[in-house]
Amino acid sequence: MRVRLFALLVASVMAAPTLAGTWAAPEGCEAFLTVQSKSCRVSHYYRCEADSPGEQWRVDMDQEGPFFYSKIDSEGQWLESYDPIKQTLDSGPADPASMSDLVSEGMDTWSFGLSKADGTATRAEGYDRLTGKSVLIDGITLKQTEVDFTEFDQSGTVLRRSKGNEYINPEWRLFFAGPGETDLGDGQWLPIDGSPVDFVFPGEDGFLATQPIYDCDALTAKADLPQSLWRARYEP
């Protein structure tokens, strides 16, 4: 099942541009949420029978189709992703990410390694902190966080840094993007905002829609920028 799922993921990421329609979850998986976000992105969240309890997937789509898949566990740890190269969390992280700690203590630090199938290895360090504020987006109450993330290569050179705000829903065990800024290693801080706008559930209009609807003006879309901070895990 895992081999078939991986093949489906890679095939979908590499697929031709997607016309307006309805996305279908991979075999053995069931979608439970669609999120239309700023920065011209629609995301679908789903769970698969082959995975461990608490694990869930997300596929991100732009106007041309799927471009990024990721899987997290119930603590919000980034377990694996495809862009389409597979990237996985290294075993034995020095300081595992923990949504439970964030919710109970108000702050969570983390330090862990990531490895790609092409042999690339990086290290990520940073923190999430609850700001004490809540926001209401499309009828859903989310807790606001402050996040600071830095990714290093094996020699310690900074590859990327992001800082700003994100949102969490502790009941769903999910992080969502927010406004912030990112430095792609050249020292220039660039604004980003992949905040959710619409939450769409099974049976509602727009559930599993293949086309994003916000900020998709070709004159303003910036395909060369990451669309959120690290925790919501949207890569360029």
C-alpha atoms as a PDB file:
ATOM      1  CA  MET A   1       0.000   0.000   0.000  1.00  0.00           C
ATOM      2  CA  ARG A   2       2.784   2.465   0.885  1.00  0.00           C
ATOM      3  CA  VAL A   3       4.546   1.794  -2.432  1.00  0.00           C
ATOM      4  CA  ARG A   4       1.335   2.346  -4.390  1.00  0.00           C
ATOM      5  CA  LEU A   5       0.587   5.523  -2.422  1.00  0.00           C
ATOM      6  CA  PHE A   6       4.073   6.907  -3.087  1.00  0.00           C
ATOM      7  CA  ALA A   7       3.666   6.219  -6.805  1.00  0.00           C
ATOM      8  CA  LEU A   8       0.313   7.994  -6.809  1.00  0.00           C
ATOM      9  CA  LEU A   9       1.765  10.992  -4.997  1.00  0.00           C
ATOM     10  CA  VAL A  10       4.687  11.417  -7.378  1.00  0.00           C
ATOM     11  CA  ALA A  11       2.472  10.907 -10.419  1.00  0.00           C
ATOM     12  CA  SER A  12       0.040  13.541  -9.145  1.00  0.00           C
ATOM     13  CA  VAL A  13       2.766  16.091  -8.390  1.00  0.00           C
ATOM     14  CA  MET A  14       4.211  15.644 -11.865  1.00  0.00           C
ATOM     15  CA  ALA A  15       0.814  15.657 -13.570  1.00  0.00           C
ATOM     16  CA  ALA A  16      -0.196  18.027 -16.331  1.00  0.00           C
ATOM     17  CA  PRO A  17      -2.082  21.233 -15.468  1.00  0.00           C
ATOM     18  CA  THR A  18      -5.396  20.516 -13.742  1.00  0.00           C
ATOM     19  CA  LEU A  19      -8.664  21.934 -15.047  1.00  0.00           C
ATOM     20  CA  ALA A  20     -11.443  23.010 -12.706  1.00  0.00           C
ATOM     21  CA  GLY A  21     -13.040  19.951 -11.141  1.00  0.00           C
ATOM     22  CA  THR A  22     -12.903  17.703  -8.092  1.00  0.00           C
ATOM     23  CA  TRP A  23      -9.724  16.179  -6.670  1.00  0.00           C
ATOM     24  CA  ALA A  24      -9.781  12.511  -5.640  1.00  0.00           C
ATOM     25  CA  ALA A  25      -7.830  11.173  -2.652  1.00  0.00           C
ATOM     26  CA  PRO A  26      -5.397   8.277  -3.285  1.00  0.00           C
ATOM     27  CA  GLU A  27      -6.657   4.718  -2.966  1.00  0.00           C
ATOM     28  CA  GLY A  28      -7.232   3.750   0.663  1.00  0.00           C
ATOM     29  CA  CYS A  29      -7.474   7.376   1.818  1.00  0.00           C
ATOM     30  CA  GLU A  30     -10.363   9.659   2.770  1.00  0.00           C
ATOM     31  CA  ALA A  31     -10.408  13.461   2.574  1.00  0.00           C
ATOM     32  CA  PHE A  32     -11.958  15.411   5.441  1.00  0.00           C
ATOM     33  CA  LEU A  33     -11.182  19.088   4.800  1.00  0.00           C
ATOM     34  CA  THR A  34     -10.512  21.550   1.986  1.00  0.00           C
ATOM     35  CA  VAL A  35      -8.933  24.944   2.699  1.00  0.00           C
ATOM     36  CA  GLN A  36      -8.893  27.844   0.256  1.00  0.00           C
ATOM     37  CA  SER A  37      -6.013  30.133   1.233  1.00  0.00           C
ATOM     38  CA  LYS A  38      -4.369  33.359   0.237  1.00  0.00           C
ATOM     39  CA  SER A  39      -1.465  33.251  -2.253  1.00  0.00           C
ATOM     40  CA  CYS A  40      -3.514  31.274  -4.791  1.00  0.00           C
ATOM     41  CA  ARG A  41      -3.512  27.888  -3.069  1.00  0.00           C
ATOM     42  CA  VAL A  42      -6.122  25.269  -2.240  1.00  0.00           C
ATOM     43  CA  SER A  43      -5.249  22.390   0.108  1.00  0.00           C
ATOM     44  CA  HIS A  44      -6.949  19.081   0.781  1.00  0.00           C
ATOM     45  CA  TYR A  45      -6.448  17.158   4.019  1.00  0.00           C
ATOM     46  CA  TYR A  46      -6.876  13.389   4.176  1.00  0.00           C
ATOM     47  CA  ARG A  47      -6.114  10.246   6.182  1.00  0.00           C
ATOM     48  CA  CYS A  48      -4.978   6.868   4.886  1.00  0.00           C
ATOM     49  CA  GLU A  49      -5.696   3.365   6.173  1.00  0.00           C
ATOM     50  CA  ALA A  50      -2.034   2.339   5.839  1.00  0.00           C
ATOM     51  CA  ASP A  51      -0.793   5.063   8.200  1.00  0.00           C
ATOM     52  CA  SER A  52      -0.471   5.100  11.978  1.00  0.00           C
ATOM     53  CA  PRO A  53      -3.221   6.639  14.128  1.00  0.00           C
ATOM     54  CA  GLY A  54      -3.039  10.433  14.234  1.00  0.00           C
ATOM     55  CA  GLU A  55      -1.144  10.795  10.966  1.00  0.00           C
ATOM     56  CA  GLN A  56      -2.651  12.890   8.199  1.00  0.00           C
ATOM     57  CA  TRP A  57      -1.752  14.126   4.745  1.00  0.00           C
ATOM     58  CA  ARG A  58      -2.164  17.372   2.857  1.00  0.00           C
ATOM     59  CA  VAL A  59      -1.886  18.123  -0.837  1.00  0.00           C
ATOM     60  CA  ASP A  60      -1.367  21.723  -1.998  1.00  0.00           C
ATOM     61  CA  MET A  61      -2.612  22.805  -5.401  1.00  0.00           C
ATOM     62  CA  ASP A  62      -2.119  25.939  -7.459  1.00  0.00           C
ATOM     63  CA  GLN A  63      -3.734  26.818 -10.784  1.00  0.00           C
ATOM     64  CA  GLU A  64      -1.661  24.159 -12.567  1.00  0.00           C
ATOM     65  CA  GLY A  65      -2.435  21.297 -10.195  1.00  0.00           C
ATOM     66  CA  PRO A  66      -0.802  19.528  -7.204  1.00  0.00           C
ATOM     67  CA  PHE A  67       2.712  20.691  -6.356  1.00  0.00           C
ATOM     68  CA  PHE A  68       3.374  19.527  -2.795  1.00  0.00           C
ATOM     69  CA  TYR A  69       2.335  16.641  -0.527  1.00  0.00           C
ATOM     70  CA  SER A  70       3.181  16.275   3.154  1.00  0.00           C
ATOM     71  CA  LYS A  71       2.395  13.986   6.070  1.00  0.00           C
ATOM     72  CA  ILE A  72       2.405  14.971   9.752  1.00  0.00           C
ATOM     73  CA  ASP A  73       1.690  13.157  12.991  1.00  0.00           C
ATOM     74  CA  SER A  74      -0.597  14.200  15.846  1.00  0.00           C
ATOM     75  CA  GLU A  75       2.136  16.440  17.287  1.00  0.00           C
ATOM     76  CA  GLY A  76       2.523  18.363  14.051  1.00  0.00           C
ATOM     77  CA  GLN A  77       5.884  16.774  13.236  1.00  0.00           C
ATOM     78  CA  TRP A  78       6.768  16.839   9.542  1.00  0.00           C
ATOM     79  CA  LEU A  79       7.166  13.101   8.794  1.00  0.00           C
ATOM     80  CA  GLU A  80       7.588  13.177   5.032  1.00  0.00           C
ATOM     81  CA  SER A  81       6.896  15.283   1.980  1.00  0.00           C
ATOM     82  CA  TYR A  82       7.093  15.127  -1.811  1.00  0.00           C
ATOM     83  CA  ASP A  83       7.833  18.020  -4.134  1.00  0.00           C
ATOM     84  CA  PRO A  84       8.206  15.547  -5.977  1.00  0.00           C
ATOM     85  CA  ILE A  85      11.495  14.471  -4.299  1.00  0.00           C
ATOM     86  CA  LYS A  86      10.785  12.592  -1.089  1.00  0.00           C
ATOM     87  CA  GLN A  87      11.970  14.231   2.148  1.00  0.00           C
ATOM     88  CA  THR A  88      11.716  12.567   5.556  1.00  0.00           C
ATOM     89  CA  LEU A  89      12.225  13.427   9.200  1.00  0.00           C
ATOM     90  CA  ASP A  90      15.446  11.913  10.559  1.00  0.00           C
ATOM     91  CA  SER A  91      15.046   9.482  13.431  1.00  0.00           C
ATOM     92  CA  GLY A  92      15.916  10.604  16.941  1.00  0.00           C
ATOM     93  CA  PRO A  93      15.371  14.388  16.650  1.00  0.00           C
ATOM     94  CA  ALA A  94      17.335  16.406  19.219  1.00  0.00           C
ATOM     95  CA  ASP A  95      14.194  18.296  20.239  1.00  0.00           C
ATOM     96  CA  PRO A  96      10.994  16.923  18.668  1.00  0.00           C
ATOM     97  CA  ALA A  97       8.221  19.343  17.731  1.00  0.00           C
ATOM     98  CA  SER A  98       5.212  18.962  20.029  1.00  0.00           C
ATOM     99  CA  MET A  99       1.814  20.566  19.627  1.00  0.00           C
ATOM    100  CA  SER A 100       0.914  19.181  23.056  1.00  0.00           C
ATOM    101  CA  ASP A 101       3.738  21.183  24.653  1.00  0.00           C
ATOM    102  CA  LEU A 102       2.744  24.283  22.718  1.00  0.00           C
ATOM    103  CA  VAL A 103      -0.869  24.072  23.884  1.00  0.00           C
ATOM    104  CA  SER A 104      -0.103  23.160  27.514  1.00  0.00           C
ATOM    105  CA  GLU A 105       2.961  25.362  28.097  1.00  0.00           C
ATOM    106  CA  GLY A 106       2.443  28.157  25.586  1.00  0.00           C
ATOM    107  CA  MET A 107       5.728  27.534  23.758  1.00  0.00           C
ATOM    108  CA  ASP A 108       7.520  24.701  22.002  1.00  0.00           C
ATOM    109  CA  THR A 109      11.119  24.625  20.740  1.00  0.00           C
ATOM    110  CA  TRP A 110      12.355  22.123  18.196  1.00  0.00           C
ATOM    111  CA  SER A 111      15.521  20.896  16.503  1.00  0.00           C
ATOM    112  CA  PHE A 112      15.532  18.073  13.967  1.00  0.00           C
ATOM    113  CA  GLY A 113      17.156  16.775  10.796  1.00  0.00           C
ATOM    114  CA  LEU A 114      15.585  16.264   7.360  1.00  0.00           C
ATOM    115  CA  SER A 115      16.878  14.050   4.560  1.00  0.00           C
ATOM    116  CA  LYS A 116      15.917  14.002   0.883  1.00  0.00           C
ATOM    117  CA  ALA A 117      15.979  11.013  -1.435  1.00  0.00           C
ATOM    118  CA  ASP A 118      18.616  12.792  -3.547  1.00  0.00           C
ATOM    119  CA  GLY A 119      21.041  12.748  -0.596  1.00  0.00           C
ATOM    120  CA  THR A 120      20.478  16.317   0.570  1.00  0.00           C
ATOM    121  CA  ALA A 121      20.440  16.676   4.363  1.00  0.00           C
ATOM    122  CA  THR A 122      19.433  19.758   6.358  1.00  0.00           C
ATOM    123  CA  ARG A 123      18.744  20.733   9.956  1.00  0.00           C
ATOM    124  CA  ALA A 124      15.863  22.860  11.258  1.00  0.00           C
ATOM    125  CA  GLU A 125      15.693  24.794  14.526  1.00  0.00           C
ATOM    126  CA  GLY A 126      13.210  27.240  15.996  1.00  0.00           C
ATOM    127  CA  TYR A 127      10.132  27.680  18.139  1.00  0.00           C
ATOM    128  CA  ASP A 128       6.363  28.135  18.196  1.00  0.00           C
ATOM    129  CA  ARG A 129       4.780  30.370  20.827  1.00  0.00           C
ATOM    130  CA  LEU A 130       1.122  31.103  21.538  1.00  0.00           C
ATOM    131  CA  THR A 131       0.469  34.844  21.383  1.00  0.00           C
ATOM    132  CA  GLY A 132      -2.634  34.614  23.549  1.00  0.00           C
ATOM    133  CA  LYS A 133      -4.795  35.831  20.677  1.00  0.00           C
ATOM    134  CA  SER A 134      -7.474  33.927  18.796  1.00  0.00           C
ATOM    135  CA  VAL A 135      -8.887  34.641  15.354  1.00  0.00           C
ATOM    136  CA  LEU A 136     -12.202  33.692  13.762  1.00  0.00           C
ATOM    137  CA  ILE A 137     -11.829  32.606  10.127  1.00  0.00           C
ATOM    138  CA  ASP A 138     -14.890  31.372   8.247  1.00  0.00           C
ATOM    139  CA  GLY A 139     -16.587  30.460  11.520  1.00  0.00           C
ATOM    140  CA  ILE A 140     -13.600  28.487  12.878  1.00  0.00           C
ATOM    141  CA  THR A 141     -11.744  29.754  15.949  1.00  0.00           C
ATOM    142  CA  LEU A 142      -7.965  29.378  15.657  1.00  0.00           C
ATOM    143  CA  LYS A 143      -5.198  30.163  18.128  1.00  0.00           C
ATOM    144  CA  GLN A 144      -2.509  32.519  16.829  1.00  0.00           C
ATOM    145  CA  THR A 145       1.143  31.564  17.161  1.00  0.00           C
ATOM    146  CA  GLU A 146       4.465  33.281  16.715  1.00  0.00           C
ATOM    147  CA  VAL A 147       6.961  31.141  14.817  1.00  0.00           C
ATOM    148  CA  ASP A 148      10.662  31.453  14.057  1.00  0.00           C
ATOM    149  CA  PHE A 149      12.261  28.836  11.820  1.00  0.00           C
ATOM    150  CA  THR A 150      15.806  28.466  10.454  1.00  0.00           C
ATOM    151  CA  GLU A 151      17.043  25.727   8.132  1.00  0.00           C
ATOM    152  CA  PHE A 152      20.760  24.963   7.814  1.00  0.00           C
ATOM    153  CA  ASP A 153      22.788  22.812   5.443  1.00  0.00           C
ATOM    154  CA  GLN A 154      25.289  20.250   6.702  1.00  0.00           C
ATOM    155  CA  SER A 155      28.029  22.868   6.996  1.00  0.00           C
ATOM    156  CA  GLY A 156      25.850  25.169   9.110  1.00  0.00           C
ATOM    157  CA  THR A 157      25.071  27.700   6.377  1.00  0.00           C
ATOM    158  CA  VAL A 158      21.598  29.219   6.665  1.00  0.00           C
ATOM    159  CA  LEU A 159      19.462  28.102   3.732  1.00  0.00           C
ATOM    160  CA  ARG A 160      16.202  29.704   4.759  1.00  0.00           C
ATOM    161  CA  ARG A 161      14.677  31.549   7.643  1.00  0.00           C
ATOM    162  CA  SER A 162      11.040  32.413   8.253  1.00  0.00           C
ATOM    163  CA  LYS A 163       9.309  34.325  11.015  1.00  0.00           C
ATOM    164  CA  GLY A 164       5.846  35.668  11.670  1.00  0.00           C
ATOM    165  CA  ASN A 165       2.515  34.207  12.717  1.00  0.00           C
ATOM    166  CA  GLU A 166       0.597  31.008  12.078  1.00  0.00           C
ATOM    167  CA  TYR A 167      -2.597  29.476  13.467  1.00  0.00           C
ATOM    168  CA  ILE A 168      -3.442  26.176  15.129  1.00  0.00           C
ATOM    169  CA  ASN A 169      -6.578  24.179  15.732  1.00  0.00           C
ATOM    170  CA  PRO A 170      -5.691  21.889  18.666  1.00  0.00           C
ATOM    171  CA  GLU A 171      -8.749  19.691  18.117  1.00  0.00           C
ATOM    172  CA  TRP A 172      -7.830  19.041  14.487  1.00  0.00           C
ATOM    173  CA  ARG A 173      -4.097  18.803  15.373  1.00  0.00           C
ATOM    174  CA  LEU A 174      -3.332  21.112  12.478  1.00  0.00           C
ATOM    175  CA  PHE A 175      -1.247  24.210  11.850  1.00  0.00           C
ATOM    176  CA  PHE A 176      -2.278  26.754   9.233  1.00  0.00           C
ATOM    177  CA  ALA A 177      -0.186  29.402   7.532  1.00  0.00           C
ATOM    178  CA  GLY A 178      -0.290  33.067   8.442  1.00  0.00           C
ATOM    179  CA  PRO A 179       1.395  36.365   7.623  1.00  0.00           C
ATOM    180  CA  GLY A 180       5.127  36.697   7.974  1.00  0.00           C
ATOM    181  CA  GLU A 181       8.361  37.089   6.079  1.00  0.00           C
ATOM    182  CA  THR A 182      11.080  34.798   4.793  1.00  0.00           C
ATOM    183  CA  ASP A 183      14.751  35.030   3.864  1.00  0.00           C
ATOM    184  CA  LEU A 184      15.793  32.477   1.247  1.00  0.00           C
ATOM    185  CA  GLY A 185      19.442  32.755   2.229  1.00  0.00           C
ATOM    186  CA  ASP A 186      20.343  36.016   0.514  1.00  0.00           C
ATOM    187  CA  GLY A 187      19.582  38.304   3.464  1.00  0.00           C
ATOM    188  CA  GLN A 188      16.481  39.816   1.866  1.00  0.00           C
ATOM    189  CA  TRP A 189      13.278  39.463   3.884  1.00  0.00           C
ATOM    190  CA  LEU A 190      10.245  38.968   1.670  1.00  0.00           C
ATOM    191  CA  PRO A 191       6.588  39.153   2.812  1.00  0.00           C
ATOM    192  CA  ILE A 192       4.494  35.986   2.633  1.00  0.00           C
ATOM    193  CA  ASP A 193       0.927  35.185   3.637  1.00  0.00           C
ATOM    194  CA  GLY A 194      -0.780  31.848   3.053  1.00  0.00           C
ATOM    195  CA  SER A 195      -3.546  32.436   5.615  1.00  0.00           C
ATOM    196  CA  PRO A 196      -6.709  30.346   5.288  1.00  0.00           C
ATOM    197  CA  VAL A 197      -9.833  32.089   3.995  1.00  0.00           C
ATOM    198  CA  ASP A 198     -12.429  29.316   3.582  1.00  0.00           C
ATOM    199  CA  PHE A 199     -12.808  26.001   5.410  1.00  0.00           C
ATOM    200  CA  VAL A 200     -14.864  23.583   3.328  1.00  0.00           C
ATOM    201  CA  PHE A 201     -16.168  20.285   4.672  1.00  0.00           C
ATOM    202  CA  PRO A 202     -17.568  17.163   2.992  1.00  0.00           C
ATOM    203  CA  GLY A 203     -20.936  17.855   1.408  1.00  0.00           C
ATOM    204  CA  GLU A 204     -20.323  21.590   1.064  1.00  0.00           C
ATOM    205  CA  ASP A 205     -19.853  23.417  -2.222  1.00  0.00           C
ATOM    206  CA  GLY A 206     -16.178  23.632  -3.094  1.00  0.00           C
ATOM    207  CA  PHE A 207     -15.085  20.551  -1.178  1.00  0.00           C
ATOM    208  CA  LEU A 208     -12.115  18.985  -3.043  1.00  0.00           C
ATOM    209  CA  ALA A 209     -12.135  21.783  -5.640  1.00  0.00           C
ATOM    210  CA  THR A 210      -9.031  21.672  -7.822  1.00  0.00           C
ATOM    211  CA  GLN A 211      -8.709  25.411  -8.387  1.00  0.00           C
ATOM    212  CA  PRO A 212      -7.606  28.079  -5.846  1.00  0.00           C
ATOM    213  CA  ILE A 213      -9.703  31.231  -5.813  1.00  0.00           C
ATOM    214  CA  TYR A 214      -7.807  33.876  -3.820  1.00  0.00           C
ATOM    215  CA  ASP A 215      -4.883  36.077  -4.919  1.00  0.00           C
ATOM    216  CA  CYS A 216      -4.576  34.332  -8.277  1.00  0.00           C
ATOM    217  CA  ASP A 217      -4.061  37.441 -10.396  1.00  0.00           C
ATOM    218  CA  ALA A 218      -1.191  36.586 -12.735  1.00  0.00           C
ATOM    219  CA  LEU A 219       0.270  40.051 -12.224  1.00  0.00           C
ATOM    220  CA  THR A 220       0.593  39.632  -8.462  1.00  0.00           C
ATOM    221  CA  ALA A 221       1.164  35.892  -8.009  1.00  0.00           C
ATOM    222  CA  LYS A 222       4.771  35.163  -7.025  1.00  0.00           C
ATOM    223  CA  ALA A 223       5.514  31.559  -7.902  1.00  0.00           C
ATOM    224  CA  ASP A 224       9.146  31.910  -6.850  1.00  0.00           C
ATOM    225  CA  LEU A 225       8.308  32.539  -3.181  1.00  0.00           C
ATOM    226  CA  PRO A 226       7.308  30.049  -0.488  1.00  0.00           C
ATOM    227  CA  GLN A 227       3.655  30.492   0.347  1.00  0.00           C
ATOM    228  CA  SER A 228       3.872  30.262   4.129  1.00  0.00           C
ATOM    229  CA  LEU A 229       6.116  29.764   7.117  1.00  0.00           C
ATOM    230  CA  TRP A 230       7.692  26.395   7.837  1.00  0.00           C
ATOM    231  CA  ARG A 231       5.152  24.802  10.154  1.00  0.00           C
ATOM    232  CA  ALA A 232       2.299  24.725   7.699  1.00  0.00           C
ATOM    233  CA  ARG A 233       4.918  23.251   5.373  1.00  0.00           C
ATOM    234  CA  TYR A 234       4.363  24.871   2.030  1.00  0.00           C
ATOM    235  CA  GLU A 235       7.541  24.769  -0.004  1.00  0.00           C
ATOM    236  CA  PRO A 236       8.423  26.801  -3.084  1.00  0.00           C
END
